[in-house]
Amino acid sequence: IAAMENLLTPIKVAVKCSPDDTIGDLKKLIAAQTGTTPEKIQLKKWYTIYKDAITLGDYEISDGMSLEMY
């Protein structure tokens, strides 16, 4: 799975991950590319705020999806 993260700035980050990875794991991958600490990253889609302990597969996040990052 490659999840695309839209930042509030015009930057997009693509990361490789699997459905078994948690949102917390995804935040760590994004943090490594952006220089932000994972604790400061909040991932959302519409009104859903994703929780760190839940897997990407549980949230049905798939290849090429865009998430909002705050």
PDB file of N, CA and C in Angstrom:
ATOM      1  N   ILE A   1       0.850  -1.180   0.000  1.00  0.00           N
ATOM      2  CA  ILE A   1       0.000   0.000   0.000  1.00  0.00           C
ATOM      3  C   ILE A   1       0.889   1.234   0.000  1.00  0.00           C
ATOM      4  N   ALA A   2       0.589   2.159  -0.839  1.00  0.00           N
ATOM      5  CA  ALA A   2       1.268   3.454  -0.813  1.00  0.00           C
ATOM      6  C   ALA A   2       0.226   4.494  -0.455  1.00  0.00           C
ATOM      7  N   ALA A   3       0.328   5.034   0.732  1.00  0.00           N
ATOM      8  CA  ALA A   3      -0.657   6.025   1.178  1.00  0.00           C
ATOM      9  C   ALA A   3      -0.111   7.419   0.923  1.00  0.00           C
ATOM     10  N   MET A   4      -0.899   8.246   0.283  1.00  0.00           N
ATOM     11  CA  MET A   4      -0.498   9.620  -0.001  1.00  0.00           C
ATOM     12  C   MET A   4      -1.011  10.514   1.115  1.00  0.00           C
ATOM     13  N   GLU A   5      -0.168  11.367   1.636  1.00  0.00           N
ATOM     14  CA  GLU A   5      -0.559  12.262   2.715  1.00  0.00           C
ATOM     15  C   GLU A   5      -0.538  13.694   2.213  1.00  0.00           C
ATOM     16  N   ASN A   6      -1.651  14.381   2.310  1.00  0.00           N
ATOM     17  CA  ASN A   6      -1.737  15.786   1.932  1.00  0.00           C
ATOM     18  C   ASN A   6      -1.463  16.633   3.158  1.00  0.00           C
ATOM     19  N   LEU A   7      -0.437  17.447   3.081  1.00  0.00           N
ATOM     20  CA  LEU A   7      -0.108  18.333   4.180  1.00  0.00           C
ATOM     21  C   LEU A   7      -0.869  19.634   4.026  1.00  0.00           C
ATOM     22  N   LEU A   8      -0.943  20.413   5.065  1.00  0.00           N
ATOM     23  CA  LEU A   8      -1.563  21.734   4.954  1.00  0.00           C
ATOM     24  C   LEU A   8      -0.732  22.631   4.047  1.00  0.00           C
ATOM     25  N   THR A   9       0.523  22.305   3.907  1.00  0.00           N
ATOM     26  CA  THR A   9       1.369  22.973   2.928  1.00  0.00           C
ATOM     27  C   THR A   9       1.198  22.213   1.614  1.00  0.00           C
ATOM     28  N   PRO A  10       1.672  22.745   0.507  1.00  0.00           N
ATOM     29  CA  PRO A  10       1.446  22.056  -0.772  1.00  0.00           C
ATOM     30  C   PRO A  10       2.335  20.828  -1.010  1.00  0.00           C
ATOM     31  N   ILE A  11       2.821  20.214   0.033  1.00  0.00           N
ATOM     32  CA  ILE A  11       3.710  19.054  -0.090  1.00  0.00           C
ATOM     33  C   ILE A  11       2.884  17.771  -0.015  1.00  0.00           C
ATOM     34  N   LYS A  12       3.244  16.788  -0.846  1.00  0.00           N
ATOM     35  CA  LYS A  12       2.636  15.456  -0.762  1.00  0.00           C
ATOM     36  C   LYS A  12       3.743  14.455  -0.462  1.00  0.00           C
ATOM     37  N   VAL A  13       3.419  13.484   0.368  1.00  0.00           N
ATOM     38  CA  VAL A  13       4.379  12.460   0.747  1.00  0.00           C
ATOM     39  C   VAL A  13       3.774  11.103   0.399  1.00  0.00           C
ATOM     40  N   ALA A  14       4.536  10.271  -0.297  1.00  0.00           N
ATOM     41  CA  ALA A  14       4.098   8.910  -0.607  1.00  0.00           C
ATOM     42  C   ALA A  14       4.956   7.946   0.203  1.00  0.00           C
ATOM     43  N   VAL A  15       4.309   7.014   0.881  1.00  0.00           N
ATOM     44  CA  VAL A  15       5.046   6.031   1.678  1.00  0.00           C
ATOM     45  C   VAL A  15       4.568   4.627   1.335  1.00  0.00           C
ATOM     46  N   LYS A  16       5.469   3.677   1.428  1.00  0.00           N
ATOM     47  CA  LYS A  16       5.147   2.268   1.203  1.00  0.00           C
ATOM     48  C   LYS A  16       4.834   1.629   2.547  1.00  0.00           C
ATOM     49  N   CYS A  17       3.707   0.976   2.626  1.00  0.00           N
ATOM     50  CA  CYS A  17       3.312   0.304   3.853  1.00  0.00           C
ATOM     51  C   CYS A  17       2.396  -0.868   3.500  1.00  0.00           C
ATOM     52  N   SER A  18       2.096  -1.682   4.496  1.00  0.00           N
ATOM     53  CA  SER A  18       1.240  -2.843   4.253  1.00  0.00           C
ATOM     54  C   SER A  18      -0.068  -2.696   5.026  1.00  0.00           C
ATOM     55  N   PRO A  19      -1.082  -3.473   4.687  1.00  0.00           N
ATOM     56  CA  PRO A  19      -2.357  -3.400   5.403  1.00  0.00           C
ATOM     57  C   PRO A  19      -2.244  -3.758   6.879  1.00  0.00           C
ATOM     58  N   ASP A  20      -1.175  -4.487   7.241  1.00  0.00           N
ATOM     59  CA  ASP A  20      -0.972  -4.875   8.632  1.00  0.00           C
ATOM     60  C   ASP A  20      -0.304  -3.788   9.468  1.00  0.00           C
ATOM     61  N   ASP A  21       0.219  -2.744   8.813  1.00  0.00           N
ATOM     62  CA  ASP A  21       0.834  -1.628   9.539  1.00  0.00           C
ATOM     63  C   ASP A  21      -0.249  -0.828  10.253  1.00  0.00           C
ATOM     64  N   THR A  22       0.099  -0.270  11.403  1.00  0.00           N
ATOM     65  CA  THR A  22      -0.847   0.560  12.133  1.00  0.00           C
ATOM     66  C   THR A  22      -0.735   2.012  11.677  1.00  0.00           C
ATOM     67  N   ILE A  23      -1.691   2.815  12.075  1.00  0.00           N
ATOM     68  CA  ILE A  23      -1.640   4.243  11.794  1.00  0.00           C
ATOM     69  C   ILE A  23      -0.392   4.839  12.449  1.00  0.00           C
ATOM     70  N   GLY A  24      -0.043   4.344  13.631  1.00  0.00           N
ATOM     71  CA  GLY A  24       1.180   4.787  14.308  1.00  0.00           C
ATOM     72  C   GLY A  24       2.420   4.506  13.474  1.00  0.00           C
ATOM     73  N   ASP A  25       2.469   3.328  12.836  1.00  0.00           N
ATOM     74  CA  ASP A  25       3.593   2.995  11.951  1.00  0.00           C
ATOM     75  C   ASP A  25       3.635   3.951  10.762  1.00  0.00           C
ATOM     76  N   LEU A  26       2.473   4.243  10.191  1.00  0.00           N
ATOM     77  CA  LEU A  26       2.381   5.161   9.057  1.00  0.00           C
ATOM     78  C   LEU A  26       2.876   6.544   9.457  1.00  0.00           C
ATOM     79  N   LYS A  27       2.506   6.999  10.649  1.00  0.00           N
ATOM     80  CA  LYS A  27       2.970   8.307  11.130  1.00  0.00           C
ATOM     81  C   LYS A  27       4.492   8.346  11.242  1.00  0.00           C
ATOM     82  N   LYS A  28       5.094   7.243  11.685  1.00  0.00           N
ATOM     83  CA  LYS A  28       6.556   7.183  11.795  1.00  0.00           C
ATOM     84  C   LYS A  28       7.210   7.292  10.424  1.00  0.00           C
ATOM     85  N   LEU A  29       6.635   6.631   9.417  1.00  0.00           N
ATOM     86  CA  LEU A  29       7.172   6.706   8.054  1.00  0.00           C
ATOM     87  C   LEU A  29       7.050   8.123   7.499  1.00  0.00           C
ATOM     88  N   ILE A  30       5.923   8.761   7.759  1.00  0.00           N
ATOM     89  CA  ILE A  30       5.722  10.136   7.296  1.00  0.00           C
ATOM     90  C   ILE A  30       6.688  11.070   8.014  1.00  0.00           C
ATOM     91  N   ALA A  31       6.840  10.873   9.323  1.00  0.00           N
ATOM     92  CA  ALA A  31       7.738  11.712  10.118  1.00  0.00           C
ATOM     93  C   ALA A  31       9.177  11.628   9.611  1.00  0.00           C
ATOM     94  N   ALA A  32       9.594  10.438   9.208  1.00  0.00           N
ATOM     95  CA  ALA A  32      10.955  10.259   8.695  1.00  0.00           C
ATOM     96  C   ALA A  32      11.184  11.075   7.421  1.00  0.00           C
ATOM     97  N   GLN A  33      10.148  11.254   6.617  1.00  0.00           N
ATOM     98  CA  GLN A  33      10.282  12.006   5.366  1.00  0.00           C
ATOM     99  C   GLN A  33      10.084  13.505   5.541  1.00  0.00           C
ATOM    100  N   THR A  34       9.307  13.905   6.543  1.00  0.00           N
ATOM    101  CA  THR A  34       8.966  15.318   6.688  1.00  0.00           C
ATOM    102  C   THR A  34       9.754  16.034   7.773  1.00  0.00           C
ATOM    103  N   GLY A  35      10.372  15.280   8.685  1.00  0.00           N
ATOM    104  CA  GLY A  35      11.102  15.898   9.780  1.00  0.00           C
ATOM    105  C   GLY A  35      10.205  16.296  10.950  1.00  0.00           C
ATOM    106  N   THR A  36       8.944  15.932  10.893  1.00  0.00           N
ATOM    107  CA  THR A  36       7.999  16.196  11.980  1.00  0.00           C
ATOM    108  C   THR A  36       7.990  14.995  12.914  1.00  0.00           C
ATOM    109  N   THR A  37       7.745  15.220  14.195  1.00  0.00           N
ATOM    110  CA  THR A  37       7.663  14.079  15.110  1.00  0.00           C
ATOM    111  C   THR A  37       6.311  13.375  14.922  1.00  0.00           C
ATOM    112  N   PRO A  38       6.278  12.050  15.035  1.00  0.00           N
ATOM    113  CA  PRO A  38       5.031  11.311  14.834  1.00  0.00           C
ATOM    114  C   PRO A  38       3.914  11.745  15.786  1.00  0.00           C
ATOM    115  N   GLU A  39       4.291  12.173  16.991  1.00  0.00           N
ATOM    116  CA  GLU A  39       3.297  12.583  17.984  1.00  0.00           C
ATOM    117  C   GLU A  39       2.526  13.829  17.556  1.00  0.00           C
ATOM    118  N   LYS A  40       3.128  14.647  16.698  1.00  0.00           N
ATOM    119  CA  LYS A  40       2.482  15.882  16.247  1.00  0.00           C
ATOM    120  C   LYS A  40       1.631  15.686  14.995  1.00  0.00           C
ATOM    121  N   ILE A  41       1.667  14.497  14.420  1.00  0.00           N
ATOM    122  CA  ILE A  41       0.930  14.221  13.186  1.00  0.00           C
ATOM    123  C   ILE A  41      -0.454  13.681  13.528  1.00  0.00           C
ATOM    124  N   GLN A  42      -1.464  14.237  12.890  1.00  0.00           N
ATOM    125  CA  GLN A  42      -2.831  13.730  13.009  1.00  0.00           C
ATOM    126  C   GLN A  42      -3.326  13.431  11.605  1.00  0.00           C
ATOM    127  N   LEU A  43      -3.777  12.202  11.385  1.00  0.00           N
ATOM    128  CA  LEU A  43      -4.278  11.793  10.074  1.00  0.00           C
ATOM    129  C   LEU A  43      -5.798  11.734  10.106  1.00  0.00           C
ATOM    130  N   LYS A  44      -6.412  12.310   9.056  1.00  0.00           N
ATOM    131  CA  LYS A  44      -7.867  12.370   8.980  1.00  0.00           C
ATOM    132  C   LYS A  44      -8.329  12.072   7.567  1.00  0.00           C
ATOM    133  N   LYS A  45      -9.567  11.677   7.457  1.00  0.00           N
ATOM    134  CA  LYS A  45     -10.271  11.563   6.184  1.00  0.00           C
ATOM    135  C   LYS A  45     -11.679  12.020   6.458  1.00  0.00           C
ATOM    136  N   TRP A  46     -12.086  13.103   5.874  1.00  0.00           N
ATOM    137  CA  TRP A  46     -13.357  13.752   6.157  1.00  0.00           C
ATOM    138  C   TRP A  46     -13.407  14.072   7.638  1.00  0.00           C
ATOM    139  N   TYR A  47     -14.324  13.466   8.378  1.00  0.00           N
ATOM    140  CA  TYR A  47     -14.440  13.765   9.804  1.00  0.00           C
ATOM    141  C   TYR A  47     -13.858  12.668  10.686  1.00  0.00           C
ATOM    142  N   THR A  48     -13.249  11.666  10.081  1.00  0.00           N
ATOM    143  CA  THR A  48     -12.680  10.557  10.839  1.00  0.00           C
ATOM    144  C   THR A  48     -11.230  10.856  11.192  1.00  0.00           C
ATOM    145  N   ILE A  49     -10.910  10.838  12.467  1.00  0.00           N
ATOM    146  CA  ILE A  49      -9.522  10.967  12.930  1.00  0.00           C
ATOM    147  C   ILE A  49      -9.024   9.557  13.196  1.00  0.00           C
ATOM    148  N   TYR A  50      -7.958   9.166  12.510  1.00  0.00           N
ATOM    149  CA  TYR A  50      -7.443   7.804  12.619  1.00  0.00           C
ATOM    150  C   TYR A  50      -6.647   7.615  13.906  1.00  0.00           C
ATOM    151  N   LYS A  51      -6.888   6.480  14.596  1.00  0.00           N
ATOM    152  CA  LYS A  51      -6.226   6.161  15.860  1.00  0.00           C
ATOM    153  C   LYS A  51      -4.982   5.319  15.609  1.00  0.00           C
ATOM    154  N   ASP A  52      -3.928   5.591  16.384  1.00  0.00           N
ATOM    155  CA  ASP A  52      -2.611   4.986  16.181  1.00  0.00           C
ATOM    156  C   ASP A  52      -2.596   3.461  16.226  1.00  0.00           C
ATOM    157  N   ALA A  53      -3.401   2.840  17.063  1.00  0.00           N
ATOM    158  CA  ALA A  53      -3.313   1.394  17.270  1.00  0.00           C
ATOM    159  C   ALA A  53      -4.075   0.576  16.231  1.00  0.00           C
ATOM    160  N   ILE A  54      -4.855   1.223  15.369  1.00  0.00           N
ATOM    161  CA  ILE A  54      -5.675   0.513  14.381  1.00  0.00           C
ATOM    162  C   ILE A  54      -4.874   0.332  13.090  1.00  0.00           C
ATOM    163  N   THR A  55      -5.039  -0.820  12.436  1.00  0.00           N
ATOM    164  CA  THR A  55      -4.277  -1.086  11.211  1.00  0.00           C
ATOM    165  C   THR A  55      -4.903  -0.384  10.008  1.00  0.00           C
ATOM    166  N   LEU A  56      -4.083  -0.215   8.982  1.00  0.00           N
ATOM    167  CA  LEU A  56      -4.556   0.387   7.735  1.00  0.00           C
ATOM    168  C   LEU A  56      -5.646  -0.479   7.119  1.00  0.00           C
ATOM    169  N   GLY A  57      -5.483  -1.800   7.210  1.00  0.00           N
ATOM    170  CA  GLY A  57      -6.484  -2.719   6.677  1.00  0.00           C
ATOM    171  C   GLY A  57      -7.829  -2.585   7.380  1.00  0.00           C
ATOM    172  N   ASP A  58      -7.791  -2.380   8.699  1.00  0.00           N
ATOM    173  CA  ASP A  58      -9.039  -2.200   9.451  1.00  0.00           C
ATOM    174  C   ASP A  58      -9.775  -0.940   9.009  1.00  0.00           C
ATOM    175  N   TYR A  59      -9.026   0.098   8.671  1.00  0.00           N
ATOM    176  CA  TYR A  59      -9.632   1.344   8.188  1.00  0.00           C
ATOM    177  C   TYR A  59      -9.912   1.305   6.680  1.00  0.00           C
ATOM    178  N   GLU A  60      -9.566   0.185   6.050  1.00  0.00           N
ATOM    179  CA  GLU A  60      -9.742   0.013   4.605  1.00  0.00           C
ATOM    180  C   GLU A  60      -8.990   1.079   3.807  1.00  0.00           C
ATOM    181  N   ILE A  61      -7.793   1.427   4.293  1.00  0.00           N
ATOM    182  CA  ILE A  61      -6.913   2.350   3.572  1.00  0.00           C
ATOM    183  C   ILE A  61      -6.152   1.518   2.556  1.00  0.00           C
ATOM    184  N   SER A  62      -6.247   1.892   1.298  1.00  0.00           N
ATOM    185  CA  SER A  62      -5.638   1.102   0.235  1.00  0.00           C
ATOM    186  C   SER A  62      -4.690   1.951  -0.613  1.00  0.00           C
ATOM    187  N   ASP A  63      -4.049   1.299  -1.546  1.00  0.00           N
ATOM    188  CA  ASP A  63      -3.047   1.914  -2.408  1.00  0.00           C
ATOM    189  C   ASP A  63      -3.591   3.162  -3.101  1.00  0.00           C
ATOM    190  N   GLY A  64      -2.841   4.252  -3.005  1.00  0.00           N
ATOM    191  CA  GLY A  64      -3.186   5.477  -3.701  1.00  0.00           C
ATOM    192  C   GLY A  64      -4.171   6.384  -2.987  1.00  0.00           C
ATOM    193  N   MET A  65      -4.641   5.977  -1.808  1.00  0.00           N
ATOM    194  CA  MET A  65      -5.589   6.828  -1.084  1.00  0.00           C
ATOM    195  C   MET A  65      -4.904   8.080  -0.578  1.00  0.00           C
ATOM    196  N   SER A  66      -5.649   9.148  -0.496  1.00  0.00           N
ATOM    197  CA  SER A  66      -5.152  10.401   0.065  1.00  0.00           C
ATOM    198  C   SER A  66      -5.765  10.616   1.436  1.00  0.00           C
ATOM    199  N   LEU A  67      -4.928  10.971   2.376  1.00  0.00           N
ATOM    200  CA  LEU A  67      -5.366  11.299   3.734  1.00  0.00           C
ATOM    201  C   LEU A  67      -4.961  12.736   4.021  1.00  0.00           C
ATOM    202  N   GLU A  68      -5.661  13.364   4.937  1.00  0.00           N
ATOM    203  CA  GLU A  68      -5.301  14.708   5.361  1.00  0.00           C
ATOM    204  C   GLU A  68      -4.380  14.608   6.551  1.00  0.00           C
ATOM    205  N   MET A  69      -3.319  15.416   6.551  1.00  0.00           N
ATOM    206  CA  MET A  69      -2.382  15.405   7.669  1.00  0.00           C
ATOM    207  C   MET A  69      -2.363  16.782   8.319  1.00  0.00           C
ATOM    208  N   TYR A  70      -2.544  16.795   9.621  1.00  0.00           N
ATOM    209  CA  TYR A  70      -2.514  18.040  10.387  1.00  0.00           C
ATOM    210  C   TYR A  70      -1.432  17.978  11.426  1.00  0.00           C
TER     211      TYR A  70
END
